[in-house]
Amino acid sequence: MTSETDTVKALAFGRIAIGAVSLLFPRLASRLFLLNIRLNPQLAYMTRLFGAREIALGAISLAAPDEAKTQLAGLGLAVDGADAVASVAAMRAGLISKPSGVMVTLAALGAVGAGAAAIAGRR
């Protein structure tokens, strides 16, 4: 197994793990990102949607033929980049606290970095 395959698999399994926690335990996932589900009960629903998306991205990345993995890593990078932009926008609008905004933005940017590394390793 090559290091680029390891990077793609690690990213996929990370997505599936985060997605499973978000889907099955939305209150826990919300707390991990410093989001207050008591102030916004709809957050459990949105967290589950996020979880389902992460599981789908991770699963398709694992199941895809090798020649599609670079494109799927690019798709994940775009989604994670959009998450980072959304996090900054929510923080700036006062919709989430600064600590939460920093936490979710850094998590999204970490995933962007992992996606970029996966793509670079496959070229």
C-alpha atoms as a PDB file:
ATOM      1  CA  MET A   1       0.000   0.000   0.000  1.00  0.00           C
ATOM      2  CA  THR A   2       1.431   3.378  -1.012  1.00  0.00           C
ATOM      3  CA  SER A   3       1.441   6.479   1.140  1.00  0.00           C
ATOM      4  CA  GLU A   4      -1.060   8.234  -1.146  1.00  0.00           C
ATOM      5  CA  THR A   5      -3.427   5.279  -0.766  1.00  0.00           C
ATOM      6  CA  ASP A   6      -2.921   5.491   2.990  1.00  0.00           C
ATOM      7  CA  THR A   7      -3.775   9.219   2.916  1.00  0.00           C
ATOM      8  CA  VAL A   8      -6.965   8.666   0.921  1.00  0.00           C
ATOM      9  CA  LYS A   9      -8.024   5.786   3.176  1.00  0.00           C
ATOM     10  CA  ALA A  10      -7.221   7.713   6.356  1.00  0.00           C
ATOM     11  CA  LEU A  11      -9.261  10.675   5.146  1.00  0.00           C
ATOM     12  CA  ALA A  12     -12.149   8.391   4.185  1.00  0.00           C
ATOM     13  CA  PHE A  13     -12.146   6.549   7.503  1.00  0.00           C
ATOM     14  CA  GLY A  14     -11.916   9.891   9.339  1.00  0.00           C
ATOM     15  CA  ARG A  15     -14.972  11.131   7.469  1.00  0.00           C
ATOM     16  CA  ILE A  16     -16.884   7.952   8.295  1.00  0.00           C
ATOM     17  CA  ALA A  17     -15.958   8.174  11.992  1.00  0.00           C
ATOM     18  CA  ILE A  18     -16.917  11.853  12.289  1.00  0.00           C
ATOM     19  CA  GLY A  19     -20.048  11.176  10.289  1.00  0.00           C
ATOM     20  CA  ALA A  20     -21.080   8.245  12.461  1.00  0.00           C
ATOM     21  CA  VAL A  21     -20.675  10.259  15.659  1.00  0.00           C
ATOM     22  CA  SER A  22     -22.616  13.158  14.127  1.00  0.00           C
ATOM     23  CA  LEU A  23     -25.398  10.924  12.837  1.00  0.00           C
ATOM     24  CA  LEU A  24     -25.776   8.725  15.916  1.00  0.00           C
ATOM     25  CA  PHE A  25     -24.858  11.183  18.674  1.00  0.00           C
ATOM     26  CA  PRO A  26     -25.645  14.698  17.425  1.00  0.00           C
ATOM     27  CA  ARG A  27     -25.575  16.205  20.920  1.00  0.00           C
ATOM     28  CA  LEU A  28     -22.078  14.863  21.518  1.00  0.00           C
ATOM     29  CA  ALA A  29     -20.878  16.030  18.101  1.00  0.00           C
ATOM     30  CA  SER A  30     -22.324  19.482  18.735  1.00  0.00           C
ATOM     31  CA  ARG A  31     -20.565  19.709  22.095  1.00  0.00           C
ATOM     32  CA  LEU A  32     -17.253  18.635  20.535  1.00  0.00           C
ATOM     33  CA  PHE A  33     -17.497  21.641  18.213  1.00  0.00           C
ATOM     34  CA  LEU A  34     -18.597  23.906  21.075  1.00  0.00           C
ATOM     35  CA  LEU A  35     -22.070  24.403  19.603  1.00  0.00           C
ATOM     36  CA  ASN A  36     -24.983  24.877  21.999  1.00  0.00           C
ATOM     37  CA  ILE A  37     -27.763  22.494  21.040  1.00  0.00           C
ATOM     38  CA  ARG A  38     -29.947  23.753  23.922  1.00  0.00           C
ATOM     39  CA  LEU A  39     -30.100  27.201  22.332  1.00  0.00           C
ATOM     40  CA  ASN A  40     -30.816  25.717  18.922  1.00  0.00           C
ATOM     41  CA  PRO A  41     -32.599  22.353  19.077  1.00  0.00           C
ATOM     42  CA  GLN A  42     -32.659  22.149  15.256  1.00  0.00           C
ATOM     43  CA  LEU A  43     -28.900  21.694  15.452  1.00  0.00           C
ATOM     44  CA  ALA A  44     -29.407  17.962  16.080  1.00  0.00           C
ATOM     45  CA  TYR A  45     -31.129  17.660  12.704  1.00  0.00           C
ATOM     46  CA  MET A  46     -28.418  19.631  10.879  1.00  0.00           C
ATOM     47  CA  THR A  47     -25.683  17.662  12.625  1.00  0.00           C
ATOM     48  CA  ARG A  48     -27.250  14.424  11.408  1.00  0.00           C
ATOM     49  CA  LEU A  49     -27.359  15.783   7.847  1.00  0.00           C
ATOM     50  CA  PHE A  50     -23.662  16.646   8.141  1.00  0.00           C
ATOM     51  CA  GLY A  51     -22.999  13.147   9.456  1.00  0.00           C
ATOM     52  CA  ALA A  52     -24.792  11.477   6.580  1.00  0.00           C
ATOM     53  CA  ARG A  53     -22.811  13.577   4.098  1.00  0.00           C
ATOM     54  CA  GLU A  54     -19.505  12.669   5.726  1.00  0.00           C
ATOM     55  CA  ILE A  55     -20.346   8.954   5.762  1.00  0.00           C
ATOM     56  CA  ALA A  56     -21.334   9.113   2.087  1.00  0.00           C
ATOM     57  CA  LEU A  57     -18.127  10.932   1.076  1.00  0.00           C
ATOM     58  CA  GLY A  58     -15.987   8.509   3.065  1.00  0.00           C
ATOM     59  CA  ALA A  59     -17.751   5.394   1.813  1.00  0.00           C
ATOM     60  CA  ILE A  60     -17.648   6.390  -1.843  1.00  0.00           C
ATOM     61  CA  SER A  61     -13.962   7.248  -1.508  1.00  0.00           C
ATOM     62  CA  LEU A  62     -13.248   3.759  -0.211  1.00  0.00           C
ATOM     63  CA  ALA A  63     -15.438   1.984  -2.756  1.00  0.00           C
ATOM     64  CA  ALA A  64     -14.420   3.957  -5.841  1.00  0.00           C
ATOM     65  CA  PRO A  65     -12.045   2.589  -8.418  1.00  0.00           C
ATOM     66  CA  ASP A  66      -8.507   3.860  -8.054  1.00  0.00           C
ATOM     67  CA  GLU A  67      -8.769   6.207 -11.033  1.00  0.00           C
ATOM     68  CA  ALA A  68     -11.682   8.087  -9.415  1.00  0.00           C
ATOM     69  CA  LYS A  69     -10.061   8.636  -6.018  1.00  0.00           C
ATOM     70  CA  THR A  70      -8.293  11.884  -7.006  1.00  0.00           C
ATOM     71  CA  GLN A  71     -11.568  13.413  -8.193  1.00  0.00           C
ATOM     72  CA  LEU A  72     -13.331  12.304  -5.022  1.00  0.00           C
ATOM     73  CA  ALA A  73     -10.561  13.812  -2.901  1.00  0.00           C
ATOM     74  CA  GLY A  74     -11.080  17.038  -4.869  1.00  0.00           C
ATOM     75  CA  LEU A  75     -14.808  16.911  -4.218  1.00  0.00           C
ATOM     76  CA  GLY A  76     -14.164  16.436  -0.498  1.00  0.00           C
ATOM     77  CA  LEU A  77     -11.673  19.313  -0.533  1.00  0.00           C
ATOM     78  CA  ALA A  78     -14.307  21.583  -2.100  1.00  0.00           C
ATOM     79  CA  VAL A  79     -16.931  20.550   0.455  1.00  0.00           C
ATOM     80  CA  ASP A  80     -14.506  21.094   3.341  1.00  0.00           C
ATOM     81  CA  GLY A  81     -13.495  24.470   1.904  1.00  0.00           C
ATOM     82  CA  ALA A  82     -17.153  25.475   1.766  1.00  0.00           C
ATOM     83  CA  ASP A  83     -17.506  24.345   5.389  1.00  0.00           C
ATOM     84  CA  ALA A  84     -14.594  26.608   6.374  1.00  0.00           C
ATOM     85  CA  VAL A  85     -16.144  29.595   4.568  1.00  0.00           C
ATOM     86  CA  ALA A  86     -19.530  28.880   6.193  1.00  0.00           C
ATOM     87  CA  SER A  87     -17.888  28.662   9.613  1.00  0.00           C
ATOM     88  CA  VAL A  88     -16.151  32.012   9.248  1.00  0.00           C
ATOM     89  CA  ALA A  89     -19.353  33.611   7.943  1.00  0.00           C
ATOM     90  CA  ALA A  90     -21.376  32.222  10.875  1.00  0.00           C
ATOM     91  CA  MET A  91     -18.783  33.447  13.359  1.00  0.00           C
ATOM     92  CA  ARG A  92     -18.653  36.915  11.798  1.00  0.00           C
ATOM     93  CA  ALA A  93     -22.457  37.138  11.802  1.00  0.00           C
ATOM     94  CA  GLY A  94     -22.552  36.196  15.493  1.00  0.00           C
ATOM     95  CA  LEU A  95     -24.433  32.968  14.808  1.00  0.00           C
ATOM     96  CA  ILE A  96     -21.787  30.904  16.586  1.00  0.00           C
ATOM     97  CA  SER A  97     -19.325  31.902  19.281  1.00  0.00           C
ATOM     98  CA  LYS A  98     -15.759  32.823  18.410  1.00  0.00           C
ATOM     99  CA  PRO A  99     -14.332  29.682  20.129  1.00  0.00           C
ATOM    100  CA  SER A 100     -16.796  27.491  18.224  1.00  0.00           C
ATOM    101  CA  GLY A 101     -16.101  29.327  14.976  1.00  0.00           C
ATOM    102  CA  VAL A 102     -12.376  28.872  15.381  1.00  0.00           C
ATOM    103  CA  MET A 103     -12.832  25.188  16.255  1.00  0.00           C
ATOM    104  CA  VAL A 104     -15.037  24.321  13.286  1.00  0.00           C
ATOM    105  CA  THR A 105     -12.984  26.441  10.896  1.00  0.00           C
ATOM    106  CA  LEU A 106      -9.758  24.751  11.950  1.00  0.00           C
ATOM    107  CA  ALA A 107     -11.383  21.331  11.614  1.00  0.00           C
ATOM    108  CA  ALA A 108     -12.568  22.171   8.096  1.00  0.00           C
ATOM    109  CA  LEU A 109      -9.174  23.596   7.127  1.00  0.00           C
ATOM    110  CA  GLY A 110      -7.492  20.467   8.504  1.00  0.00           C
ATOM    111  CA  ALA A 111      -9.685  18.395   6.211  1.00  0.00           C
ATOM    112  CA  VAL A 112      -8.815  20.719   3.301  1.00  0.00           C
ATOM    113  CA  GLY A 113      -5.145  20.114   4.051  1.00  0.00           C
ATOM    114  CA  ALA A 114      -5.643  16.357   4.207  1.00  0.00           C
ATOM    115  CA  GLY A 115      -7.523  16.431   0.912  1.00  0.00           C
ATOM    116  CA  ALA A 116      -4.792  18.503  -0.707  1.00  0.00           C
ATOM    117  CA  ALA A 117      -2.165  16.047   0.565  1.00  0.00           C
ATOM    118  CA  ALA A 118      -4.169  13.128  -0.817  1.00  0.00           C
ATOM    119  CA  ILE A 119      -4.437  14.805  -4.211  1.00  0.00           C
ATOM    120  CA  ALA A 120      -0.771  15.792  -4.284  1.00  0.00           C
ATOM    121  CA  GLY A 121       0.254  12.248  -3.350  1.00  0.00           C
ATOM    122  CA  ARG A 122      -1.773  10.805  -6.221  1.00  0.00           C
ATOM    123  CA  ARG A 123      -0.173  12.995  -8.912  1.00  0.00           C
END
